[in-house]
Amino acid sequence: MQTLTHAELACGLREALRSSLSEAGPFDPPPTVDLAVVAFPTNAPAVWANVLVHRGHPEGVVAHIGPHASAVQDIRYLVDPTDEQRRSIAWQPGADWTRLKGLQTLHGSGPLESIAPYPASLIKVMVAVGVGLLVDRGLTDWDEAWAWGGRTRAVRQWADGMITESRNDDLVALLHARGLIDEPAPGRGWVEPRDVHPTGDPSAGARHSFGGLHDTFWAYGLPTLRLARTRPDGGWLNRDGSGVGHLQMTAWDTVRLLWLMLPAVMPDGPPPPWLAAGMRPLLKPKTAAQLWQLMDDQALHEVLSSTVAAGLPGWRAGIPSAVPARWVGPNGQVAAADRRWPGDIRPIQAQATVHFAHKTGTTENYASDAGWVRTCAPGGRRYLVALLSTLGSRHAPHQGLATDWCIPALGARIDAWLAQRLG
């Protein structure tokens, strides 16, 4: 099998995006889709690419990434703007970006510019990583009884509901209570992670390395991950003063966050090449494995994968993955997150060829998904994928769906393209 290159992967992703969007459009306003993939060919180096579609570049641009998979070098990511009522204004029908004044920089200096879409519940991956950091630092454990919202449950149970069903049983309040929440410094200068001491502050001694969550993301070279303006009571939505414009992720930094946790499930994989030699793992293998198990149990296969929606008119296949059996009733219908999908998914389940451990996020204006794909049979394709987009539920063809069918169709195209090259 011929060796896959970064340029070939970028070309394949760009064509998959162009084909999927052109079949579905036009959209008002034109969408932004931020897509990143890291593929792991057998007995060959990792291959990566980040492609971005947005107004002004409907055919897609390929982000410039250095040879060590470091931060994107040619895109200025802008903070998603909101109005006085804290509503997103860049993606409403008829929105004119040329009239948006005073847009703030999330990261980068261009020359390309793009507003970074709100990640929605994909931010819960950052929260879960934060909980993992607390576990590793001895500041909580998975069996600790944690009280929030009038209920007391084990941290493990809170995390399960947050990731597998995307419930707002979030653990932001725990991160606040244990001192992990720090606000990102405005205008902070970029420091290459190769210049960071492998254990954080070399004089730290027995202290916890890297301090708060944003300091940790920064130290591991992930400058666009932000969990800002959240509240000690766990509030993280627009109405809490956080939400759009304060919770930020880009596809490339999201996929690299997952790469940092990958040794727990792919011990033979290449280490993240942007980190200095001797840099300690972001999470201990046992902790990272717990987070991957939660994402393996994800119920909401409704963005890059679409199994839960099988049987609905116009259904389009996505990444060919199965919904975990715990969510599938005897009639083949999926029930999760206080929702029930009407179709019998069992025929589609039987055709699944990959496992997809992932987390989704959806609102009216946004749809996102990120995770780890590997074939059910050993020896096949393995890749990380992250997508953030402005194609939320208002573009969906049926009430209750997360996004337009073009997004799962994109997932299917990516998987089929990689299957031809990786097996």
Protein backbone atom coordinates (compact mmCIF):
# COMPACT_ATOMS: atom_id res chain seq x y z
CA MET A 1 0.00 0.00 0.00
CA GLN A 2 1.43 3.38 -1.05
CA THR A 3 2.62 5.74 1.68
CA LEU A 4 0.08 8.47 2.47
CA THR A 5 1.36 12.06 2.58
CA HIS A 6 0.12 15.19 4.36
CA ALA A 7 -0.64 16.84 1.01
CA GLU A 8 -2.66 13.85 -0.23
CA LEU A 9 -4.69 13.77 2.98
CA ALA A 10 -5.37 17.50 2.73
CA CYS A 11 -6.49 17.08 -0.88
CA GLY A 12 -8.78 14.20 0.10
CA LEU A 13 -10.36 16.14 2.97
CA ARG A 14 -10.84 19.22 0.81
CA GLU A 15 -12.58 17.23 -1.91
CA ALA A 16 -14.77 15.44 0.65
CA LEU A 17 -15.82 18.80 2.11
CA ARG A 18 -16.46 20.36 -1.29
CA SER A 19 -18.56 17.43 -2.48
CA SER A 20 -20.60 17.14 0.72
CA LEU A 21 -21.39 20.86 0.95
CA SER A 22 -22.14 21.30 -2.75
CA GLU A 23 -24.72 18.49 -2.62
CA ALA A 24 -26.56 20.21 0.23
CA GLY A 25 -26.24 23.97 -0.29
CA PRO A 26 -26.69 26.79 -0.69
CA PHE A 27 -26.71 27.87 2.96
CA ASP A 28 -27.51 31.31 4.36
CA PRO A 29 -25.11 32.49 5.58
CA PRO A 30 -22.34 30.44 3.96
CA PRO A 31 -21.10 27.92 6.52
CA THR A 32 -17.80 27.60 8.29
CA VAL A 33 -16.50 24.05 8.61
CA ASP A 34 -13.21 23.40 10.39
CA LEU A 35 -12.00 19.83 9.81
CA ALA A 36 -8.84 18.09 11.03
CA VAL A 37 -7.66 14.49 10.71
CA VAL A 38 -4.60 12.65 11.97
CA ALA A 39 -4.17 9.22 10.38
CA PHE A 40 -1.91 6.47 11.69
CA PRO A 41 -0.74 4.17 8.89
CA THR A 42 0.75 0.85 9.99
CA ASN A 43 4.55 0.96 10.20
CA ALA A 44 4.66 4.54 8.91
CA PRO A 45 4.70 8.04 10.43
CA ALA A 46 1.47 9.80 11.35
CA VAL A 47 -0.14 11.91 8.62
CA TRP A 48 -2.22 15.02 9.32
CA ALA A 49 -4.15 17.83 7.68
CA ASN A 50 -6.51 20.67 8.64
CA VAL A 51 -8.93 22.07 6.05
CA LEU A 52 -11.16 25.08 6.60
CA VAL A 53 -14.20 26.17 4.57
CA HIS A 54 -15.71 29.60 5.24
CA ARG A 55 -17.12 32.59 3.41
CA GLY A 56 -14.56 33.88 0.97
CA HIS A 57 -13.06 30.40 0.68
CA PRO A 58 -15.96 28.07 -0.20
CA GLU A 59 -13.59 25.62 -1.90
CA GLY A 60 -11.59 25.22 1.31
CA VAL A 61 -8.12 26.27 2.40
CA VAL A 62 -5.45 23.99 3.80
CA ALA A 63 -3.94 25.26 7.03
CA HIS A 64 -0.18 25.51 7.17
CA ILE A 65 1.13 23.18 9.87
CA GLY A 66 4.82 22.67 10.55
CA PRO A 67 6.69 19.36 10.35
CA HIS A 68 6.21 18.71 14.08
CA ALA A 69 2.39 19.07 13.98
CA SER A 70 2.60 22.31 15.96
CA ALA A 71 -0.03 25.07 16.03
CA VAL A 72 -1.58 26.34 12.78
CA GLN A 73 0.68 29.06 11.40
CA ASP A 74 -1.30 31.02 8.80
CA ILE A 75 -4.81 31.54 10.21
CA ARG A 76 -5.97 34.25 12.56
CA TYR A 77 -8.82 32.69 14.51
CA LEU A 78 -11.38 35.26 15.64
CA VAL A 79 -13.61 35.07 18.69
CA ASP A 80 -17.26 34.33 17.88
CA PRO A 81 -19.12 37.65 18.42
CA THR A 82 -22.38 38.08 20.33
CA ASP A 83 -24.92 40.88 20.78
CA GLU A 84 -26.10 42.54 24.01
CA GLN A 85 -28.35 39.56 24.76
CA ARG A 86 -25.33 37.21 24.45
CA ARG A 87 -26.67 35.71 21.21
CA SER A 88 -24.37 34.66 18.42
CA ILE A 89 -24.67 37.11 15.54
CA ALA A 90 -22.22 35.89 12.89
CA TRP A 91 -24.31 32.94 11.70
CA GLN A 92 -27.85 34.30 11.52
CA PRO A 93 -29.54 34.44 8.08
CA GLY A 94 -28.36 37.51 6.19
CA ALA A 95 -25.44 38.14 8.55
CA ASP A 96 -22.82 40.44 7.00
CA TRP A 97 -19.34 39.90 8.37
CA THR A 98 -18.11 43.15 6.81
CA ARG A 99 -20.24 45.03 9.34
CA LEU A 100 -18.96 43.19 12.38
CA LYS A 101 -16.67 45.58 14.21
CA GLY A 102 -14.01 45.01 16.84
CA LEU A 103 -13.60 41.27 16.35
CA GLN A 104 -11.16 39.89 18.90
CA THR A 105 -8.33 37.50 18.14
CA LEU A 106 -8.47 34.02 19.66
CA HIS A 107 -5.06 33.04 18.30
CA GLY A 108 -2.80 33.54 15.30
CA SER A 109 -1.84 36.38 13.03
CA GLY A 110 -3.07 35.35 9.59
CA PRO A 111 -2.99 36.33 6.77
CA LEU A 112 -6.19 34.23 6.59
CA GLU A 113 -8.94 35.10 9.08
CA SER A 114 -11.85 33.01 10.26
CA ILE A 115 -14.33 33.21 13.13
CA ALA A 116 -13.95 30.02 15.17
CA PRO A 117 -17.36 28.31 15.55
CA TYR A 118 -18.69 27.71 19.05
CA PRO A 119 -17.93 24.07 20.02
CA ALA A 120 -21.22 23.55 21.92
CA SER A 121 -21.06 20.41 24.08
CA LEU A 122 -17.75 19.38 22.56
CA ILE A 123 -16.33 21.58 25.35
CA LYS A 124 -17.15 18.71 27.70
CA VAL A 125 -14.03 16.97 26.41
CA MET A 126 -12.03 19.83 27.96
CA VAL A 127 -14.02 19.45 31.18
CA ALA A 128 -13.40 15.69 31.21
CA VAL A 129 -9.68 16.27 30.71
CA GLY A 130 -9.82 18.70 33.63
CA VAL A 131 -11.40 16.02 35.81
CA GLY A 132 -8.68 13.63 34.69
CA LEU A 133 -6.05 16.15 35.77
CA LEU A 134 -7.70 16.38 39.19
CA VAL A 135 -7.65 12.59 39.49
CA ASP A 136 -3.97 12.42 38.54
CA ARG A 137 -3.11 15.18 41.01
CA GLY A 138 -4.91 13.46 43.86
CA LEU A 139 -7.56 16.19 44.12
CA THR A 140 -10.48 13.84 43.44
CA ASP A 141 -11.07 10.24 42.45
CA TRP A 142 -13.66 8.60 40.23
CA ASP A 143 -15.59 7.21 43.20
CA GLU A 144 -15.77 10.46 45.18
CA ALA A 145 -19.35 11.45 46.02
CA TRP A 146 -19.87 14.89 44.49
CA ALA A 147 -22.97 16.99 45.17
CA TRP A 148 -24.26 19.26 42.43
CA GLY A 149 -27.70 20.48 41.42
CA GLY A 150 -29.40 18.83 44.40
CA ARG A 151 -27.99 15.38 43.68
CA THR A 152 -25.02 13.43 44.98
CA ARG A 153 -23.34 10.91 42.73
CA ALA A 154 -19.87 9.51 42.14
CA VAL A 155 -17.63 11.62 39.93
CA ARG A 156 -17.55 8.68 37.52
CA GLN A 157 -21.36 8.81 37.18
CA TRP A 158 -21.37 12.56 36.58
CA ALA A 159 -18.72 12.10 33.90
CA ASP A 160 -20.66 9.27 32.26
CA GLY A 161 -23.80 11.38 31.86
CA MET A 162 -21.79 14.37 30.65
CA ILE A 163 -19.96 12.47 27.90
CA THR A 164 -22.21 9.59 26.83
CA GLU A 165 -25.52 11.50 26.69
CA SER A 166 -24.19 15.06 26.70
CA ARG A 167 -26.26 15.88 29.75
CA ASN A 168 -25.54 19.13 31.52
CA ASP A 169 -24.50 17.06 34.52
CA ASP A 170 -21.23 18.80 33.96
CA LEU A 171 -18.34 18.91 36.33
CA VAL A 172 -17.35 22.55 35.85
CA ALA A 173 -18.26 23.23 39.48
CA LEU A 174 -15.83 20.52 40.59
CA LEU A 175 -13.04 22.10 38.53
CA HIS A 176 -13.75 25.42 40.26
CA ALA A 177 -13.94 23.88 43.72
CA ARG A 178 -10.58 22.15 43.32
CA GLY A 179 -8.81 25.23 41.92
CA LEU A 180 -8.26 24.05 38.35
CA ILE A 181 -10.14 26.88 36.63
CA ASP A 182 -7.90 29.75 35.57
CA GLU A 183 -8.79 32.48 33.11
CA PRO A 184 -6.73 32.65 29.90
CA ALA A 185 -4.39 35.63 29.90
CA PRO A 186 -5.43 38.21 27.26
CA GLY A 187 -2.83 38.81 24.57
CA ARG A 188 -0.56 36.11 25.92
CA GLY A 189 2.51 35.60 23.75
CA TRP A 190 3.01 32.20 22.21
CA VAL A 191 5.81 30.03 23.63
CA GLU A 192 6.74 26.91 21.69
CA PRO A 193 6.12 23.89 23.94
CA ARG A 194 9.64 22.65 23.14
CA ASP A 195 10.86 25.49 25.36
CA VAL A 196 8.66 24.48 28.29
CA HIS A 197 10.23 22.50 31.12
CA PRO A 198 8.96 18.89 30.87
CA THR A 199 7.52 18.97 34.36
CA GLY A 200 6.21 22.54 34.22
CA ASP A 201 8.00 24.87 36.64
CA PRO A 202 11.46 23.34 37.27
CA SER A 203 11.35 24.67 40.84
CA ALA A 204 7.91 23.25 41.50
CA GLY A 205 9.15 20.28 43.50
CA ALA A 206 6.13 18.31 44.69
CA ARG A 207 3.65 20.90 43.47
CA HIS A 208 1.23 20.02 40.67
CA SER A 209 2.72 20.80 37.27
CA PHE A 210 1.34 23.52 35.02
CA GLY A 211 -1.26 24.83 37.46
CA GLY A 212 -4.70 25.58 36.03
CA LEU A 213 -6.48 24.21 32.99
CA HIS A 214 -5.49 26.99 30.58
CA ASP A 215 -1.89 26.94 31.76
CA THR A 216 -1.91 23.21 31.07
CA PHE A 217 -3.38 23.58 27.59
CA TRP A 218 -0.84 26.30 26.85
CA ALA A 219 2.09 24.23 28.13
CA TYR A 220 1.04 21.35 25.88
CA GLY A 221 0.87 23.60 22.82
CA LEU A 222 -2.93 23.97 22.49
CA PRO A 223 -3.48 27.75 22.38
CA THR A 224 -7.06 27.79 21.03
CA LEU A 225 -8.64 25.72 23.81
CA ARG A 226 -10.53 28.04 26.15
CA LEU A 227 -12.98 27.33 28.97
CA ALA A 228 -13.43 30.94 30.08
CA ARG A 229 -15.95 32.86 32.20
CA THR A 230 -17.52 29.73 33.66
CA ARG A 231 -19.11 30.06 37.13
CA PRO A 232 -18.26 28.35 40.41
CA ASP A 233 -21.78 26.89 40.50
CA GLY A 234 -21.05 25.10 37.21
CA GLY A 235 -22.69 27.60 34.85
CA TRP A 236 -21.13 27.67 31.38
CA LEU A 237 -23.94 28.73 29.02
CA ASN A 238 -24.64 32.09 27.42
CA ARG A 239 -27.07 33.03 30.18
CA ASP A 240 -24.29 32.42 32.72
CA GLY A 241 -22.01 34.96 31.05
CA SER A 242 -19.93 32.26 29.38
CA GLY A 243 -20.90 30.24 26.29
CA VAL A 244 -20.41 31.68 22.80
CA GLY A 245 -17.25 33.74 22.52
CA HIS A 246 -15.75 32.38 25.75
CA LEU A 247 -15.72 28.62 25.18
CA GLN A 248 -13.44 27.97 22.23
CA MET A 249 -11.87 25.07 20.39
CA THR A 250 -10.49 24.68 16.88
CA ALA A 251 -10.42 21.40 15.00
CA TRP A 252 -6.64 21.19 14.91
CA ASP A 253 -6.11 21.78 18.63
CA THR A 254 -9.02 19.45 19.44
CA VAL A 255 -7.56 16.59 17.43
CA ARG A 256 -4.17 17.19 19.06
CA LEU A 257 -5.75 17.14 22.52
CA LEU A 258 -7.07 13.67 21.67
CA TRP A 259 -3.63 12.68 20.33
CA LEU A 260 -2.15 13.50 23.75
CA MET A 261 -4.45 10.87 25.27
CA LEU A 262 -3.96 8.26 22.57
CA PRO A 263 -1.17 6.17 24.17
CA ALA A 264 -3.80 4.75 26.54
CA VAL A 265 -5.58 3.03 23.64
CA MET A 266 -2.81 2.85 21.00
CA PRO A 267 0.46 2.12 22.81
CA ASP A 268 2.27 1.51 19.51
CA GLY A 269 1.34 4.93 18.13
CA PRO A 270 3.81 7.75 17.50
CA PRO A 271 4.15 10.27 20.33
CA PRO A 272 2.87 13.81 19.72
CA PRO A 273 5.80 15.28 17.74
CA TRP A 274 5.32 18.91 18.83
CA LEU A 275 6.27 18.13 22.45
CA ALA A 276 9.79 18.25 23.81
CA ALA A 277 11.53 15.00 24.64
CA GLY A 278 10.81 14.08 28.24
CA MET A 279 7.52 15.99 28.43
CA ARG A 280 5.33 14.04 30.82
CA PRO A 281 2.04 12.66 29.44
CA LEU A 282 -0.95 14.98 29.73
CA LEU A 283 -2.81 12.25 31.66
CA LYS A 284 -1.74 9.00 33.21
CA PRO A 285 -2.62 6.04 30.94
CA LYS A 286 -5.24 4.67 33.36
CA THR A 287 -6.96 8.07 33.54
CA ALA A 288 -6.87 8.61 29.79
CA ALA A 289 -8.27 5.10 29.29
CA GLN A 290 -11.23 6.02 31.51
CA LEU A 291 -12.00 9.03 29.31
CA TRP A 292 -11.75 6.95 26.13
CA GLN A 293 -14.15 4.41 27.65
CA LEU A 294 -16.67 7.19 28.22
CA MET A 295 -16.34 8.35 24.61
CA ASP A 296 -16.64 4.75 23.41
CA ASP A 297 -20.02 4.67 25.19
CA GLN A 298 -21.26 7.83 23.46
CA ALA A 299 -24.91 7.48 22.48
CA LEU A 300 -25.38 10.44 20.15
CA HIS A 301 -24.20 9.15 16.79
CA GLU A 302 -25.85 12.03 14.94
CA VAL A 303 -23.09 14.24 13.46
CA LEU A 304 -20.13 12.61 11.65
CA SER A 305 -21.84 9.28 12.31
CA SER A 306 -25.61 9.01 11.91
CA THR A 307 -26.65 5.58 13.13
CA VAL A 308 -29.24 6.85 15.65
CA ALA A 309 -31.16 8.53 12.82
CA ALA A 310 -31.43 5.43 10.62
CA GLY A 311 -34.91 5.05 9.19
CA LEU A 312 -35.69 8.74 8.91
CA PRO A 313 -36.58 10.04 5.41
CA GLY A 314 -33.52 11.02 3.43
CA TRP A 315 -31.16 9.33 5.87
CA ARG A 316 -27.49 9.54 4.91
CA ALA A 317 -24.90 7.17 6.28
CA GLY A 318 -21.98 8.62 8.21
CA ILE A 319 -18.89 7.01 9.69
CA PRO A 320 -20.03 3.34 9.76
CA SER A 321 -20.01 2.87 13.53
CA ALA A 322 -22.42 1.12 15.89
CA VAL A 323 -24.30 2.70 18.78
CA PRO A 324 -23.30 1.02 22.07
CA ALA A 325 -25.78 -1.70 22.98
CA ARG A 326 -26.74 -0.03 26.28
CA TRP A 327 -28.76 2.56 24.34
CA VAL A 328 -30.57 0.23 21.92
CA GLY A 329 -33.94 -1.17 22.95
CA PRO A 330 -35.40 -4.56 21.96
CA ASN A 331 -37.23 -2.86 19.08
CA GLY A 332 -33.98 -1.42 17.70
CA GLN A 333 -34.79 2.15 18.70
CA VAL A 334 -32.24 4.32 20.50
CA ALA A 335 -33.23 6.11 23.70
CA ALA A 336 -30.76 8.48 25.38
CA ALA A 337 -30.57 12.00 26.78
CA ASP A 338 -34.37 12.09 27.27
CA ARG A 339 -34.80 11.50 23.54
CA ARG A 340 -36.00 8.57 21.46
CA TRP A 341 -35.23 8.11 17.78
CA PRO A 342 -38.00 6.43 15.77
CA GLY A 343 -36.05 4.11 13.49
CA ASP A 344 -34.97 0.50 13.96
CA ILE A 345 -31.19 0.79 13.71
CA ARG A 346 -30.41 -2.92 13.92
CA PRO A 347 -29.82 -3.40 10.14
CA ILE A 348 -27.35 -0.49 10.18
CA GLN A 349 -25.71 -1.77 13.36
CA ALA A 350 -25.01 -5.06 11.61
CA GLN A 351 -23.11 -3.21 8.88
CA ALA A 352 -20.78 -1.30 11.22
CA THR A 353 -17.10 -1.68 10.35
CA VAL A 354 -15.49 0.71 12.83
CA HIS A 355 -15.57 1.79 16.46
CA PHE A 356 -15.97 5.55 16.96
CA ALA A 357 -15.10 6.85 20.42
CA HIS A 358 -16.21 10.46 20.27
CA LYS A 359 -18.08 13.45 21.67
CA THR A 360 -20.61 15.57 19.82
CA GLY A 361 -21.91 19.09 20.32
CA THR A 362 -24.98 20.69 18.78
CA THR A 363 -27.07 23.86 19.06
CA GLU A 364 -29.31 25.75 16.67
CA ASN A 365 -26.28 27.31 14.95
CA TYR A 366 -23.48 24.82 15.56
CA ALA A 367 -22.59 21.16 15.14
CA SER A 368 -19.33 19.54 16.20
CA ASP A 369 -17.85 16.10 16.66
CA ALA A 370 -14.41 14.72 17.54
CA GLY A 371 -13.04 11.31 18.30
CA TRP A 372 -11.00 8.19 17.55
CA VAL A 373 -11.90 5.78 14.76
CA ARG A 374 -10.49 2.26 14.41
CA THR A 375 -11.74 -0.76 12.50
CA CYS A 376 -13.60 -3.54 14.26
CA ALA A 377 -11.22 -6.05 12.67
CA PRO A 378 -7.57 -5.69 13.72
CA GLY A 379 -5.02 -4.24 11.36
CA GLY A 380 -7.24 -1.68 9.63
CA ARG A 381 -7.44 2.09 9.57
CA ARG A 382 -6.91 4.20 12.66
CA TYR A 383 -7.43 7.94 12.73
CA LEU A 384 -8.45 10.92 14.84
CA VAL A 385 -11.01 13.36 13.46
CA ALA A 386 -12.39 16.68 14.68
CA LEU A 387 -15.04 18.87 13.09
CA LEU A 388 -16.50 22.19 14.20
CA SER A 389 -19.14 23.83 12.04
CA THR A 390 -21.92 26.39 11.84
CA LEU A 391 -24.35 23.82 10.42
CA GLY A 392 -26.45 23.35 13.53
CA SER A 393 -29.99 22.06 13.96
CA ARG A 394 -31.67 24.92 12.08
CA HIS A 395 -30.19 23.37 8.93
CA ALA A 396 -31.48 19.88 9.79
CA PRO A 397 -34.13 18.34 7.51
CA HIS A 398 -36.19 16.99 10.44
CA GLN A 399 -37.02 18.30 13.87
CA GLY A 400 -34.80 16.76 16.51
CA LEU A 401 -31.84 16.14 14.20
CA ALA A 402 -28.52 17.76 14.99
CA THR A 403 -27.42 18.93 11.54
CA ASP A 404 -27.84 18.70 7.79
CA TRP A 405 -27.31 15.28 6.20
CA CYS A 406 -24.19 16.67 4.49
CA ILE A 407 -22.23 16.34 7.74
CA PRO A 408 -22.65 12.56 8.19
CA ALA A 409 -22.13 12.26 4.42
CA LEU A 410 -18.81 14.03 4.98
CA GLY A 411 -17.94 11.51 7.70
CA ALA A 412 -18.72 8.65 5.33
CA ARG A 413 -16.57 10.16 2.58
CA ILE A 414 -13.61 10.65 4.92
CA ASP A 415 -13.85 7.10 6.22
CA ALA A 416 -14.20 5.57 2.75
CA TRP A 417 -11.24 7.59 1.46
CA LEU A 418 -9.05 6.47 4.35
CA ALA A 419 -10.26 2.88 4.02
CA GLN A 420 -8.84 2.80 0.50
CA ARG A 421 -5.45 3.95 1.76
CA LEU A 422 -5.18 2.46 5.25
CA GLY A 423 -7.44 -0.60 5.11
